[in-house]
Amino acid sequence: ALTMGVYGEGGFNWKEIAQLELGYFWPWDASGVLSPEDMEDRLVAKFTFQEIPIIHLAGSFSYERTGFAQALLGTGTATLFDADTVVKAELAYPLVKDMLDVVLFYTLTPTLDGDGVPIYDGSTWLPQMTTNLAIETRVHY
């Protein structure tokens, strides 16, 4: 299927402290009959902070959502945290200054059943969530 749309991206930079980035894709089809329930618009929001003096931690937090319009408008069963949402956090600590960092990644995603449908345990708006942790080393030169 052919997808057309408009993508906008912007941000704000606090010099050597933090950055805020936002991106949004609004699709449309050639017939002009694509409703918010059917479109796969996409929102990406990311906040990054530079190394904090004394504790030497740097990192970022992000929220990515496909189908953001339907979640925001409350159409259908979409919510701000469902199978089309990924929340991520990253913390970096320098083991060797300007050479080697250790990074901890934390990702939160909805738990899906065998058919790819989110699992809801008692809550009607927030599915059961799965936490993923990963550790990475980064070498700078």
Protein backbone atom coordinates (compact mmCIF):
# COMPACT_ATOMS: atom_id res chain seq x y z
CA ALA A 1 0.00 0.00 0.00
CA LEU A 2 1.17 3.48 -0.86
CA THR A 3 1.56 5.75 2.16
CA MET A 4 1.89 9.50 1.84
CA GLY A 5 2.04 12.02 4.61
CA VAL A 6 3.74 14.87 6.34
CA TYR A 7 6.58 14.42 8.82
CA GLY A 8 7.65 17.18 11.15
CA GLU A 9 10.53 17.18 13.57
CA GLY A 10 11.72 19.75 16.03
CA GLY A 11 13.57 20.14 19.24
CA PHE A 12 15.09 22.34 21.83
CA ASN A 13 18.68 22.26 23.05
CA TRP A 14 19.84 23.52 26.42
CA LYS A 15 23.54 23.89 25.66
CA GLU A 16 25.55 21.11 27.31
CA ILE A 17 22.63 20.21 29.64
CA ALA A 18 19.73 18.55 27.83
CA GLN A 19 17.84 18.16 24.55
CA LEU A 20 14.17 17.65 23.80
CA GLU A 21 13.22 16.17 20.42
CA LEU A 22 9.73 15.64 18.98
CA GLY A 23 8.75 14.05 15.68
CA TYR A 24 5.32 13.36 14.21
CA PHE A 25 4.19 11.64 11.01
CA TRP A 26 0.63 12.33 9.77
CA PRO A 27 -0.28 9.97 6.90
CA TRP A 28 -3.00 10.34 4.31
CA ASP A 29 -4.17 8.30 1.36
CA ALA A 30 -4.89 9.44 -2.19
CA SER A 31 -8.65 8.94 -1.76
CA GLY A 32 -8.78 11.20 1.29
CA VAL A 33 -11.00 8.82 3.26
CA LEU A 34 -8.45 7.59 5.81
CA SER A 35 -9.98 7.92 9.29
CA PRO A 36 -7.99 8.29 12.55
CA GLU A 37 -8.91 4.68 13.42
CA ASP A 38 -7.26 3.38 10.23
CA MET A 39 -4.18 5.56 9.98
CA GLU A 40 -0.79 4.69 11.35
CA ASP A 41 0.44 8.10 12.40
CA ARG A 42 3.55 8.09 14.59
CA LEU A 43 4.78 10.20 17.50
CA VAL A 44 8.32 10.11 18.84
CA ALA A 45 9.30 12.16 21.90
CA LYS A 46 12.80 11.97 23.40
CA PHE A 47 14.46 13.78 26.27
CA THR A 48 18.25 13.46 26.54
CA PHE A 49 20.42 14.79 29.33
CA GLN A 50 24.18 15.24 29.24
CA GLU A 51 26.54 13.95 31.89
CA ILE A 52 25.57 15.18 35.35
CA PRO A 53 28.61 16.44 37.28
CA ILE A 54 29.62 14.51 40.42
CA ILE A 55 27.55 11.37 39.61
CA HIS A 56 28.71 11.28 35.94
CA LEU A 57 25.46 9.83 34.58
CA ALA A 58 24.03 10.71 31.18
CA GLY A 59 20.95 9.28 29.53
CA SER A 60 17.67 9.60 27.73
CA PHE A 61 13.97 8.77 27.99
CA SER A 62 11.73 8.23 24.97
CA TYR A 63 8.09 7.51 24.12
CA GLU A 64 7.20 6.13 20.68
CA ARG A 65 3.60 5.52 19.63
CA THR A 66 2.11 4.34 16.34
CA GLY A 67 -1.57 5.28 16.05
CA PHE A 68 -1.17 8.28 18.36
CA ALA A 69 -4.22 10.12 16.97
CA GLN A 70 -6.64 7.30 17.78
CA ALA A 71 -5.22 7.03 21.32
CA LEU A 72 -5.43 10.78 21.83
CA LEU A 73 -8.94 11.09 20.37
CA GLY A 74 -10.18 8.06 22.32
CA THR A 75 -11.51 6.32 19.22
CA GLY A 76 -11.71 2.54 19.34
CA THR A 77 -9.76 0.64 21.98
CA ALA A 78 -6.41 2.42 21.54
CA THR A 79 -4.72 3.81 24.65
CA LEU A 80 -1.49 5.71 25.18
CA PHE A 81 0.13 2.48 26.44
CA ASP A 82 -0.76 -0.54 24.33
CA ALA A 83 0.82 -2.87 21.77
CA ASP A 84 1.78 0.10 19.57
CA THR A 85 3.77 1.84 22.32
CA VAL A 86 7.42 1.58 23.34
CA VAL A 87 8.89 3.41 26.33
CA LYS A 88 12.68 3.42 26.62
CA ALA A 89 15.26 4.72 29.08
CA GLU A 90 19.04 4.73 28.81
CA LEU A 91 21.63 5.51 31.47
CA ALA A 92 25.32 5.79 30.60
CA TYR A 93 28.22 5.81 33.04
CA PRO A 94 31.84 6.45 31.96
CA LEU A 95 34.16 3.69 33.22
CA VAL A 96 37.18 5.32 31.58
CA LYS A 97 36.78 9.05 30.89
CA ASP A 98 36.34 9.80 27.17
CA MET A 99 37.08 6.15 26.27
CA LEU A 100 34.65 3.58 27.68
CA ASP A 101 31.01 3.86 28.82
CA VAL A 102 28.71 1.25 30.29
CA VAL A 103 25.08 1.76 29.26
CA LEU A 104 21.94 0.30 30.84
CA PHE A 105 18.87 0.14 28.58
CA TYR A 106 15.37 -0.24 30.03
CA THR A 107 12.50 -0.91 27.65
CA LEU A 108 8.84 -1.29 28.57
CA THR A 109 6.50 -2.93 26.06
CA PRO A 110 3.06 -4.55 26.31
CA THR A 111 3.00 -8.33 26.74
CA LEU A 112 1.34 -10.00 23.75
CA ASP A 113 -0.45 -13.35 23.51
CA GLY A 114 0.14 -15.88 20.71
CA ASP A 115 -2.03 -13.85 18.30
CA GLY A 116 -0.18 -10.59 18.96
CA VAL A 117 -2.95 -9.11 21.12
CA PRO A 118 -2.02 -7.30 24.37
CA ILE A 119 -2.82 -9.18 27.59
CA TYR A 120 -4.97 -7.26 30.09
CA ASP A 121 -4.98 -8.46 33.71
CA GLY A 122 -7.79 -6.67 35.55
CA SER A 123 -7.07 -3.27 33.99
CA THR A 124 -9.05 -2.09 30.98
CA TRP A 125 -6.65 0.68 29.95
CA LEU A 126 -3.14 -0.60 30.67
CA PRO A 127 -2.02 -4.02 29.43
CA GLN A 128 0.40 -6.28 31.21
CA MET A 129 3.85 -4.86 30.52
CA THR A 130 7.16 -6.62 29.84
CA THR A 131 10.42 -5.11 31.03
CA ASN A 132 13.63 -5.65 29.11
CA LEU A 133 17.06 -4.76 30.46
CA ALA A 134 20.25 -4.75 28.42
CA ILE A 135 23.80 -3.70 29.18
CA GLU A 136 26.10 -2.33 26.49
CA THR A 137 29.65 -1.04 26.42
CA ARG A 138 30.61 1.89 24.20
CA VAL A 139 34.16 2.58 23.15
CA HIS A 140 35.10 6.15 22.14
CA TYR A 141 38.23 7.03 20.21
